[in-house]
Amino acid sequence: MESDTKYFRKPVATDGQPLNALISRCPPLDTNSTYCNLLQCTHFADTSIAVEDADGALVGFISGYIPPSRPDALFVWQVAVDPTCRGQKLAQRMLTALIERCRAEQSIRYIETTITPGNAASEALFSRVYSDLNAALEKTVLFSRKEHFAGQHDDEVLWRGGPMGKPQA
């Protein structure tokens, strides 16, 4: 029987291949090359979080980065939760832990992501987290279906929550 014990940590290079496999089990997430996943686990380790179960298997991952033009923002690129761990609020716990770490280490005041319209799970997750943070929400189309995706992909709507005050000591 699988244990519910989870270990939250910064990712490392050896997470690259397991991350690629995790994302492939999480449609509708876009899969990236293993090389991209290695960069997410190394170059972006300070703004990402990995979660492994009691057996050491990677069961959750959030990749993020700080946009160079907005050093006070954490942009959340992808949230992946293994199908066996759904319904445990793992995504919310990961996102909250990542935000707390980034606020303490990197002076983050805004949380950003893009969500395609109709992605109810992502909309619910970020709505809950922004509400918990008492962060005002702004939504704007960042990449349009027509202009950026030649009609082959839905709009990507930027969700920007904040500003948040200094983290509690």
N, C-alpha and C. Protein backbone atom coordinates (compact mmCIF):
# COMPACT_ATOMS: atom_id res chain seq x y z
N MET A 1 0.84 -1.19 0.00
CA MET A 1 0.00 0.00 0.00
C MET A 1 0.89 1.25 0.00
N GLU A 2 0.56 2.20 -0.84
CA GLU A 2 1.36 3.42 -0.96
C GLU A 2 1.15 4.32 0.25
N SER A 3 2.25 4.82 0.75
CA SER A 3 2.21 5.75 1.88
C SER A 3 1.87 7.14 1.38
N ASP A 4 1.17 7.92 2.20
CA ASP A 4 0.84 9.30 1.84
C ASP A 4 1.97 10.26 2.21
N THR A 5 3.05 9.75 2.82
CA THR A 5 4.16 10.59 3.21
C THR A 5 4.83 11.16 1.96
N LYS A 6 5.02 12.48 1.95
CA LYS A 6 5.63 13.16 0.82
C LYS A 6 6.81 13.98 1.32
N TYR A 7 7.83 14.06 0.48
CA TYR A 7 9.04 14.81 0.79
C TYR A 7 9.16 15.95 -0.23
N PHE A 8 9.08 17.19 0.23
CA PHE A 8 9.17 18.38 -0.60
C PHE A 8 10.62 18.87 -0.58
N ARG A 9 11.19 19.17 -1.77
CA ARG A 9 12.58 19.59 -1.84
C ARG A 9 12.84 20.33 -3.14
N LYS A 10 14.03 20.94 -3.22
CA LYS A 10 14.47 21.53 -4.47
C LYS A 10 14.84 20.38 -5.42
N PRO A 11 14.56 20.54 -6.70
CA PRO A 11 14.94 19.49 -7.65
C PRO A 11 16.45 19.45 -7.87
N VAL A 12 16.91 18.30 -8.37
CA VAL A 12 18.31 18.08 -8.72
C VAL A 12 18.37 17.44 -10.11
N ALA A 13 19.56 17.39 -10.68
CA ALA A 13 19.73 16.90 -12.05
C ALA A 13 19.14 15.50 -12.26
N THR A 14 19.27 14.64 -11.27
CA THR A 14 18.75 13.27 -11.44
C THR A 14 17.23 13.22 -11.51
N ASP A 15 16.56 14.35 -11.28
CA ASP A 15 15.09 14.40 -11.43
C ASP A 15 14.67 14.62 -12.88
N GLY A 16 15.61 14.94 -13.77
CA GLY A 16 15.25 15.29 -15.15
C GLY A 16 14.45 14.22 -15.88
N GLN A 17 14.95 13.00 -15.91
CA GLN A 17 14.25 11.91 -16.59
C GLN A 17 12.94 11.56 -15.89
N PRO A 18 12.93 11.40 -14.55
CA PRO A 18 11.64 11.14 -13.90
C PRO A 18 10.63 12.27 -14.11
N LEU A 19 11.10 13.52 -14.19
CA LEU A 19 10.19 14.64 -14.47
C LEU A 19 9.58 14.49 -15.85
N ASN A 20 10.39 14.13 -16.83
CA ASN A 20 9.88 13.94 -18.18
C ASN A 20 8.80 12.86 -18.19
N ALA A 21 9.03 11.77 -17.47
CA ALA A 21 8.04 10.69 -17.39
C ALA A 21 6.78 11.15 -16.65
N LEU A 22 6.96 11.92 -15.57
CA LEU A 22 5.81 12.43 -14.81
C LEU A 22 4.92 13.31 -15.69
N ILE A 23 5.54 14.25 -16.39
CA ILE A 23 4.76 15.15 -17.24
C ILE A 23 4.02 14.38 -18.32
N SER A 24 4.62 13.33 -18.85
CA SER A 24 3.94 12.54 -19.89
C SER A 24 2.72 11.81 -19.34
N ARG A 25 2.67 11.60 -18.02
CA ARG A 25 1.50 10.97 -17.38
C ARG A 25 0.43 11.98 -16.97
N CYS A 26 0.66 13.25 -17.30
CA CYS A 26 -0.21 14.33 -16.82
C CYS A 26 -0.79 15.16 -17.96
N PRO A 27 -1.53 14.53 -18.87
CA PRO A 27 -2.16 15.37 -19.89
C PRO A 27 -3.14 16.32 -19.21
N PRO A 28 -3.33 17.52 -19.67
CA PRO A 28 -2.92 18.04 -20.98
C PRO A 28 -1.59 18.79 -20.96
N LEU A 29 -0.72 18.55 -19.97
CA LEU A 29 0.56 19.27 -19.93
C LEU A 29 1.34 19.01 -21.20
N ASP A 30 2.00 20.06 -21.68
CA ASP A 30 2.89 19.93 -22.83
C ASP A 30 4.18 19.28 -22.37
N THR A 31 4.60 18.23 -23.06
CA THR A 31 5.87 17.60 -22.74
C THR A 31 7.00 18.40 -23.37
N ASN A 32 8.12 18.42 -22.70
CA ASN A 32 9.31 19.09 -23.17
C ASN A 32 10.39 18.02 -23.37
N SER A 33 11.50 18.42 -23.93
CA SER A 33 12.61 17.48 -24.07
C SER A 33 13.18 17.16 -22.69
N THR A 34 13.86 16.03 -22.60
CA THR A 34 14.52 15.69 -21.35
C THR A 34 15.55 16.76 -21.00
N TYR A 35 16.21 17.30 -22.02
CA TYR A 35 17.18 18.38 -21.79
C TYR A 35 16.51 19.58 -21.12
N CYS A 36 15.34 19.96 -21.61
CA CYS A 36 14.60 21.07 -20.98
C CYS A 36 14.29 20.73 -19.53
N ASN A 37 13.85 19.50 -19.28
CA ASN A 37 13.55 19.09 -17.91
C ASN A 37 14.80 19.12 -17.03
N LEU A 38 15.95 18.76 -17.58
CA LEU A 38 17.20 18.85 -16.82
C LEU A 38 17.50 20.30 -16.45
N LEU A 39 17.26 21.23 -17.38
CA LEU A 39 17.46 22.64 -17.07
C LEU A 39 16.49 23.11 -15.99
N GLN A 40 15.23 22.65 -16.07
CA GLN A 40 14.27 23.01 -15.03
C GLN A 40 14.74 22.54 -13.66
N CYS A 41 15.37 21.37 -13.62
CA CYS A 41 15.80 20.77 -12.35
C CYS A 41 17.12 21.33 -11.84
N THR A 42 17.86 22.03 -12.68
CA THR A 42 19.15 22.56 -12.26
C THR A 42 19.16 24.09 -12.29
N HIS A 43 19.03 24.68 -13.46
CA HIS A 43 19.09 26.14 -13.60
C HIS A 43 17.94 26.84 -12.88
N PHE A 44 16.81 26.16 -12.76
CA PHE A 44 15.63 26.76 -12.15
C PHE A 44 15.25 26.08 -10.83
N ALA A 45 16.21 25.40 -10.20
CA ALA A 45 15.94 24.67 -8.96
C ALA A 45 15.47 25.58 -7.84
N ASP A 46 15.98 26.81 -7.79
CA ASP A 46 15.60 27.72 -6.71
C ASP A 46 14.16 28.20 -6.83
N THR A 47 13.57 28.05 -8.00
CA THR A 47 12.20 28.51 -8.22
C THR A 47 11.29 27.35 -8.64
N SER A 48 11.71 26.15 -8.31
CA SER A 48 10.92 24.95 -8.61
C SER A 48 10.87 24.07 -7.37
N ILE A 49 9.96 23.10 -7.39
CA ILE A 49 9.83 22.19 -6.25
C ILE A 49 9.54 20.79 -6.76
N ALA A 50 10.19 19.82 -6.14
CA ALA A 50 9.98 18.41 -6.45
C ALA A 50 9.39 17.74 -5.22
N VAL A 51 8.53 16.77 -5.48
CA VAL A 51 7.93 16.02 -4.38
C VAL A 51 8.08 14.54 -4.70
N GLU A 52 8.63 13.82 -3.73
CA GLU A 52 8.73 12.38 -3.89
C GLU A 52 7.93 11.69 -2.80
N ASP A 53 7.49 10.48 -3.12
CA ASP A 53 6.73 9.72 -2.13
C ASP A 53 7.69 8.97 -1.21
N ALA A 54 7.15 8.19 -0.30
CA ALA A 54 7.97 7.49 0.69
C ALA A 54 8.93 6.50 0.05
N ASP A 55 8.63 6.08 -1.18
CA ASP A 55 9.50 5.15 -1.89
C ASP A 55 10.54 5.85 -2.76
N GLY A 56 10.54 7.19 -2.75
CA GLY A 56 11.50 7.94 -3.54
C GLY A 56 11.08 8.24 -4.96
N ALA A 57 9.85 7.92 -5.33
CA ALA A 57 9.37 8.19 -6.69
C ALA A 57 8.91 9.65 -6.80
N LEU A 58 9.24 10.29 -7.91
CA LEU A 58 8.81 11.67 -8.16
C LEU A 58 7.31 11.65 -8.47
N VAL A 59 6.51 12.30 -7.60
CA VAL A 59 5.05 12.29 -7.77
C VAL A 59 4.47 13.69 -7.95
N GLY A 60 5.32 14.69 -7.82
CA GLY A 60 4.84 16.06 -8.01
C GLY A 60 6.00 16.97 -8.38
N PHE A 61 5.68 18.00 -9.16
CA PHE A 61 6.71 18.93 -9.58
C PHE A 61 6.05 20.23 -10.01
N ILE A 62 6.64 21.33 -9.60
CA ILE A 62 6.26 22.64 -10.12
C ILE A 62 7.53 23.29 -10.63
N SER A 63 7.49 23.70 -11.88
CA SER A 63 8.62 24.45 -12.43
C SER A 63 8.22 25.91 -12.50
N GLY A 64 9.15 26.75 -12.13
CA GLY A 64 8.93 28.18 -12.16
C GLY A 64 10.23 28.91 -12.43
N TYR A 65 10.10 30.19 -12.65
CA TYR A 65 11.28 31.02 -12.86
C TYR A 65 10.92 32.46 -12.56
N ILE A 66 11.95 33.29 -12.44
CA ILE A 66 11.75 34.71 -12.23
C ILE A 66 11.99 35.41 -13.57
N PRO A 67 10.96 36.02 -14.14
CA PRO A 67 11.15 36.71 -15.42
C PRO A 67 12.16 37.85 -15.26
N PRO A 68 13.14 37.94 -16.15
CA PRO A 68 14.17 38.99 -16.02
C PRO A 68 13.59 40.40 -15.94
N SER A 69 12.48 40.65 -16.63
CA SER A 69 11.90 42.00 -16.61
C SER A 69 11.03 42.25 -15.39
N ARG A 70 10.76 41.21 -14.58
CA ARG A 70 9.92 41.35 -13.38
C ARG A 70 10.56 40.55 -12.23
N PRO A 71 11.64 41.06 -11.65
CA PRO A 71 12.36 40.30 -10.63
C PRO A 71 11.59 40.09 -9.33
N ASP A 72 10.43 40.72 -9.19
CA ASP A 72 9.62 40.52 -7.99
C ASP A 72 8.48 39.53 -8.23
N ALA A 73 8.56 38.80 -9.36
CA ALA A 73 7.49 37.85 -9.70
C ALA A 73 8.05 36.44 -9.84
N LEU A 74 7.27 35.48 -9.39
CA LEU A 74 7.54 34.07 -9.65
C LEU A 74 6.55 33.64 -10.72
N PHE A 75 7.06 33.21 -11.87
CA PHE A 75 6.19 32.70 -12.92
C PHE A 75 6.17 31.19 -12.81
N VAL A 76 4.98 30.62 -12.61
CA VAL A 76 4.82 29.18 -12.49
C VAL A 76 4.55 28.64 -13.90
N TRP A 77 5.48 27.81 -14.37
CA TRP A 77 5.43 27.31 -15.73
C TRP A 77 4.52 26.08 -15.82
N GLN A 78 4.78 25.06 -15.01
CA GLN A 78 3.99 23.84 -15.05
C GLN A 78 3.77 23.31 -13.64
N VAL A 79 2.61 22.70 -13.45
CA VAL A 79 2.29 22.00 -12.21
C VAL A 79 1.92 20.58 -12.61
N ALA A 80 2.68 19.63 -12.12
CA ALA A 80 2.43 18.22 -12.45
C ALA A 80 2.22 17.42 -11.17
N VAL A 81 1.13 16.66 -11.15
CA VAL A 81 0.83 15.76 -10.03
C VAL A 81 0.53 14.39 -10.62
N ASP A 82 1.25 13.38 -10.15
CA ASP A 82 1.04 12.03 -10.63
C ASP A 82 -0.44 11.64 -10.44
N PRO A 83 -1.02 10.97 -11.42
CA PRO A 83 -2.43 10.58 -11.30
C PRO A 83 -2.74 9.79 -10.03
N THR A 84 -1.77 9.05 -9.49
CA THR A 84 -2.02 8.28 -8.26
C THR A 84 -2.13 9.16 -7.03
N CYS A 85 -1.75 10.44 -7.16
CA CYS A 85 -1.77 11.36 -6.01
C CYS A 85 -2.83 12.44 -6.14
N ARG A 86 -3.69 12.33 -7.10
CA ARG A 86 -4.73 13.34 -7.27
C ARG A 86 -5.74 13.24 -6.14
N GLY A 87 -6.37 14.36 -5.83
CA GLY A 87 -7.37 14.39 -4.77
C GLY A 87 -6.79 14.53 -3.38
N GLN A 88 -5.48 14.77 -3.27
CA GLN A 88 -4.82 14.92 -1.98
C GLN A 88 -4.37 16.36 -1.72
N LYS A 89 -4.80 17.28 -2.59
CA LYS A 89 -4.39 18.70 -2.51
C LYS A 89 -2.88 18.87 -2.61
N LEU A 90 -2.23 17.93 -3.31
CA LEU A 90 -0.78 18.00 -3.45
C LEU A 90 -0.36 19.24 -4.23
N ALA A 91 -1.08 19.58 -5.29
CA ALA A 91 -0.72 20.77 -6.08
C ALA A 91 -0.77 22.02 -5.21
N GLN A 92 -1.80 22.16 -4.40
CA GLN A 92 -1.93 23.32 -3.54
C GLN A 92 -0.81 23.35 -2.49
N ARG A 93 -0.49 22.22 -1.91
CA ARG A 93 0.57 22.16 -0.91
C ARG A 93 1.93 22.48 -1.54
N MET A 94 2.18 21.95 -2.75
CA MET A 94 3.44 22.25 -3.44
C MET A 94 3.54 23.73 -3.75
N LEU A 95 2.47 24.29 -4.31
CA LEU A 95 2.50 25.70 -4.71
C LEU A 95 2.69 26.60 -3.49
N THR A 96 1.99 26.31 -2.42
CA THR A 96 2.14 27.09 -1.19
C THR A 96 3.56 27.02 -0.65
N ALA A 97 4.14 25.82 -0.63
CA ALA A 97 5.51 25.65 -0.15
C ALA A 97 6.51 26.39 -1.04
N LEU A 98 6.31 26.31 -2.35
CA LEU A 98 7.21 27.00 -3.27
C LEU A 98 7.11 28.52 -3.10
N ILE A 99 5.91 29.03 -2.98
CA ILE A 99 5.72 30.47 -2.79
C ILE A 99 6.38 30.92 -1.49
N GLU A 100 6.17 30.18 -0.41
CA GLU A 100 6.78 30.55 0.87
C GLU A 100 8.29 30.59 0.76
N ARG A 101 8.88 29.58 0.10
CA ARG A 101 10.34 29.56 -0.06
C ARG A 101 10.82 30.73 -0.90
N CYS A 102 10.17 30.98 -2.02
CA CYS A 102 10.59 32.07 -2.91
C CYS A 102 10.39 33.44 -2.28
N ARG A 103 9.33 33.60 -1.50
CA ARG A 103 9.12 34.88 -0.81
C ARG A 103 10.23 35.11 0.21
N ALA A 104 10.64 34.08 0.90
CA ALA A 104 11.68 34.22 1.93
C ALA A 104 13.07 34.42 1.31
N GLU A 105 13.35 33.73 0.22
CA GLU A 105 14.70 33.76 -0.35
C GLU A 105 14.88 34.80 -1.45
N GLN A 106 13.79 35.23 -2.11
CA GLN A 106 13.97 36.02 -3.32
C GLN A 106 13.05 37.24 -3.43
N SER A 107 12.42 37.64 -2.37
CA SER A 107 11.60 38.87 -2.35
C SER A 107 10.49 38.87 -3.40
N ILE A 108 9.85 37.74 -3.57
CA ILE A 108 8.75 37.62 -4.52
C ILE A 108 7.52 38.35 -3.97
N ARG A 109 6.87 39.15 -4.80
CA ARG A 109 5.65 39.85 -4.40
C ARG A 109 4.45 39.49 -5.27
N TYR A 110 4.71 38.89 -6.45
CA TYR A 110 3.66 38.52 -7.38
C TYR A 110 3.84 37.06 -7.79
N ILE A 111 2.72 36.40 -8.02
CA ILE A 111 2.71 35.03 -8.53
C ILE A 111 1.99 35.08 -9.87
N GLU A 112 2.66 34.57 -10.90
CA GLU A 112 2.10 34.58 -12.25
C GLU A 112 2.06 33.17 -12.81
N THR A 113 1.13 32.96 -13.72
CA THR A 113 1.06 31.72 -14.49
C THR A 113 0.21 32.01 -15.72
N THR A 114 0.21 31.09 -16.65
CA THR A 114 -0.77 31.17 -17.73
C THR A 114 -1.68 29.96 -17.64
N ILE A 115 -2.95 30.20 -17.94
CA ILE A 115 -3.95 29.13 -17.90
C ILE A 115 -4.79 29.25 -19.16
N THR A 116 -5.00 28.12 -19.82
CA THR A 116 -5.90 28.14 -20.98
C THR A 116 -7.34 28.15 -20.46
N PRO A 117 -8.20 28.96 -21.09
CA PRO A 117 -9.60 29.02 -20.65
C PRO A 117 -10.22 27.61 -20.63
N GLY A 118 -10.94 27.34 -19.56
CA GLY A 118 -11.60 26.05 -19.43
C GLY A 118 -10.78 25.02 -18.66
N ASN A 119 -9.53 25.34 -18.29
CA ASN A 119 -8.74 24.42 -17.48
C ASN A 119 -9.18 24.63 -16.02
N ALA A 120 -10.25 23.95 -15.68
CA ALA A 120 -10.90 24.15 -14.39
C ALA A 120 -9.97 23.83 -13.22
N ALA A 121 -9.16 22.79 -13.34
CA ALA A 121 -8.28 22.42 -12.24
C ALA A 121 -7.26 23.53 -11.95
N SER A 122 -6.64 24.07 -12.99
CA SER A 122 -5.66 25.14 -12.77
C SER A 122 -6.33 26.41 -12.29
N GLU A 123 -7.49 26.72 -12.84
CA GLU A 123 -8.22 27.91 -12.39
C GLU A 123 -8.57 27.80 -10.92
N ALA A 124 -9.03 26.64 -10.48
CA ALA A 124 -9.40 26.44 -9.08
C ALA A 124 -8.16 26.51 -8.19
N LEU A 125 -7.07 25.88 -8.60
CA LEU A 125 -5.84 25.89 -7.81
C LEU A 125 -5.35 27.31 -7.58
N PHE A 126 -5.18 28.07 -8.65
CA PHE A 126 -4.63 29.41 -8.50
C PHE A 126 -5.62 30.36 -7.82
N SER A 127 -6.91 30.18 -8.04
CA SER A 127 -7.91 31.00 -7.34
C SER A 127 -7.81 30.79 -5.84
N ARG A 128 -7.67 29.52 -5.41
CA ARG A 128 -7.55 29.21 -3.98
C ARG A 128 -6.29 29.83 -3.40
N VAL A 129 -5.17 29.64 -4.10
CA VAL A 129 -3.90 30.14 -3.57
C VAL A 129 -3.89 31.66 -3.50
N TYR A 130 -4.38 32.33 -4.55
CA TYR A 130 -4.43 33.80 -4.52
C TYR A 130 -5.35 34.27 -3.40
N SER A 131 -6.46 33.58 -3.19
CA SER A 131 -7.36 33.95 -2.11
C SER A 131 -6.68 33.77 -0.76
N ASP A 132 -5.98 32.65 -0.57
CA ASP A 132 -5.26 32.40 0.69
C ASP A 132 -4.21 33.47 0.95
N LEU A 133 -3.60 34.00 -0.12
CA LEU A 133 -2.57 35.03 0.00
C LEU A 133 -3.14 36.44 0.06
N ASN A 134 -4.47 36.54 -0.08
CA ASN A 134 -5.13 37.84 -0.16
C ASN A 134 -4.50 38.69 -1.28
N ALA A 135 -4.24 38.04 -2.40
CA ALA A 135 -3.58 38.68 -3.54
C ALA A 135 -4.62 39.04 -4.60
N ALA A 136 -4.62 40.30 -5.00
CA ALA A 136 -5.51 40.73 -6.09
C ALA A 136 -5.12 40.00 -7.37
N LEU A 137 -6.11 39.68 -8.18
CA LEU A 137 -5.89 38.93 -9.40
C LEU A 137 -6.18 39.78 -10.63
N GLU A 138 -5.25 39.78 -11.57
CA GLU A 138 -5.44 40.41 -12.87
C GLU A 138 -5.30 39.31 -13.92
N LYS A 139 -6.17 39.34 -14.94
CA LYS A 139 -6.10 38.37 -16.04
C LYS A 139 -6.02 39.13 -17.36
N THR A 140 -5.07 38.74 -18.20
CA THR A 140 -4.94 39.29 -19.54
C THR A 140 -4.45 38.19 -20.47
N VAL A 141 -4.87 38.24 -21.72
CA VAL A 141 -4.38 37.26 -22.69
C VAL A 141 -2.91 37.58 -22.97
N LEU A 142 -2.04 36.62 -22.71
CA LEU A 142 -0.62 36.80 -22.95
C LEU A 142 -0.25 36.34 -24.36
N PHE A 143 -0.73 35.16 -24.73
CA PHE A 143 -0.48 34.61 -26.06
C PHE A 143 -1.82 34.20 -26.65
N SER A 144 -2.19 34.81 -27.77
CA SER A 144 -3.51 34.52 -28.34
C SER A 144 -3.46 33.35 -29.31
N ARG A 145 -4.55 32.65 -29.37
CA ARG A 145 -4.72 31.50 -30.27
C ARG A 145 -4.43 31.91 -31.70
N LYS A 146 -4.97 33.04 -32.10
CA LYS A 146 -4.83 33.48 -33.49
C LYS A 146 -3.42 33.98 -33.80
N GLU A 147 -2.91 34.87 -32.95
CA GLU A 147 -1.64 35.52 -33.24
C GLU A 147 -0.42 34.65 -32.98
N HIS A 148 -0.46 33.83 -31.95
CA HIS A 148 0.73 33.08 -31.54
C HIS A 148 0.69 31.59 -31.84
N PHE A 149 -0.49 31.04 -32.01
CA PHE A 149 -0.60 29.60 -32.17
C PHE A 149 -1.24 29.17 -33.49
N ALA A 150 -1.47 30.11 -34.40
CA ALA A 150 -2.08 29.81 -35.70
C ALA A 150 -3.35 28.98 -35.55
N GLY A 151 -4.11 29.26 -34.48
CA GLY A 151 -5.37 28.55 -34.25
C GLY A 151 -5.21 27.13 -33.75
N GLN A 152 -3.99 26.68 -33.49
CA GLN A 152 -3.74 25.28 -33.10
C GLN A 152 -3.68 25.06 -31.59
N HIS A 153 -3.81 26.11 -30.81
CA HIS A 153 -3.72 26.02 -29.35
C HIS A 153 -4.60 27.12 -28.79
N ASP A 154 -5.26 26.86 -27.69
CA ASP A 154 -6.09 27.88 -27.05
C ASP A 154 -5.25 29.05 -26.56
N ASP A 155 -5.92 30.18 -26.31
CA ASP A 155 -5.24 31.33 -25.71
C ASP A 155 -4.55 30.89 -24.42
N GLU A 156 -3.46 31.59 -24.11
CA GLU A 156 -2.81 31.44 -22.81
C GLU A 156 -3.06 32.75 -22.08
N VAL A 157 -3.85 32.67 -21.00
CA VAL A 157 -4.24 33.85 -20.23
C VAL A 157 -3.30 33.99 -19.04
N LEU A 158 -2.67 35.16 -18.93
CA LEU A 158 -1.80 35.44 -17.81
C LEU A 158 -2.64 35.74 -16.57
N TRP A 159 -2.41 35.00 -15.51
CA TRP A 159 -3.00 35.24 -14.20
C TRP A 159 -1.88 35.82 -13.35
N ARG A 160 -2.07 37.03 -12.86
CA ARG A 160 -1.06 37.70 -12.04
C ARG A 160 -1.70 38.05 -10.71
N GLY A 161 -1.18 37.49 -9.64
CA GLY A 161 -1.72 37.72 -8.30
C GLY A 161 -0.71 38.48 -7.45
N GLY A 162 -1.20 39.51 -6.76
CA GLY A 162 -0.33 40.27 -5.89
C GLY A 162 -0.75 41.73 -5.88
N PRO A 163 -0.03 42.58 -5.23
CA PRO A 163 1.21 42.27 -4.53
C PRO A 163 0.94 41.64 -3.17
N MET A 164 1.89 40.87 -2.74
CA MET A 164 1.84 40.26 -1.41
C MET A 164 2.79 41.06 -0.53
N GLY A 165 2.46 41.15 0.73
CA GLY A 165 3.36 41.81 1.67
C GLY A 165 4.55 40.95 2.00
N LYS A 166 5.37 41.41 2.90
CA LYS A 166 6.53 40.61 3.32
C LYS A 166 6.03 39.36 4.02
N PRO A 167 6.77 38.25 3.86
CA PRO A 167 6.34 37.02 4.54
C PRO A 167 6.36 37.20 6.05
N GLN A 168 5.48 36.49 6.73
CA GLN A 168 5.42 36.54 8.19
C GLN A 168 6.65 35.89 8.77
N ALA A 169 7.21 36.48 9.82
CA ALA A 169 8.42 35.94 10.45
C ALA A 169 8.08 34.79 11.38
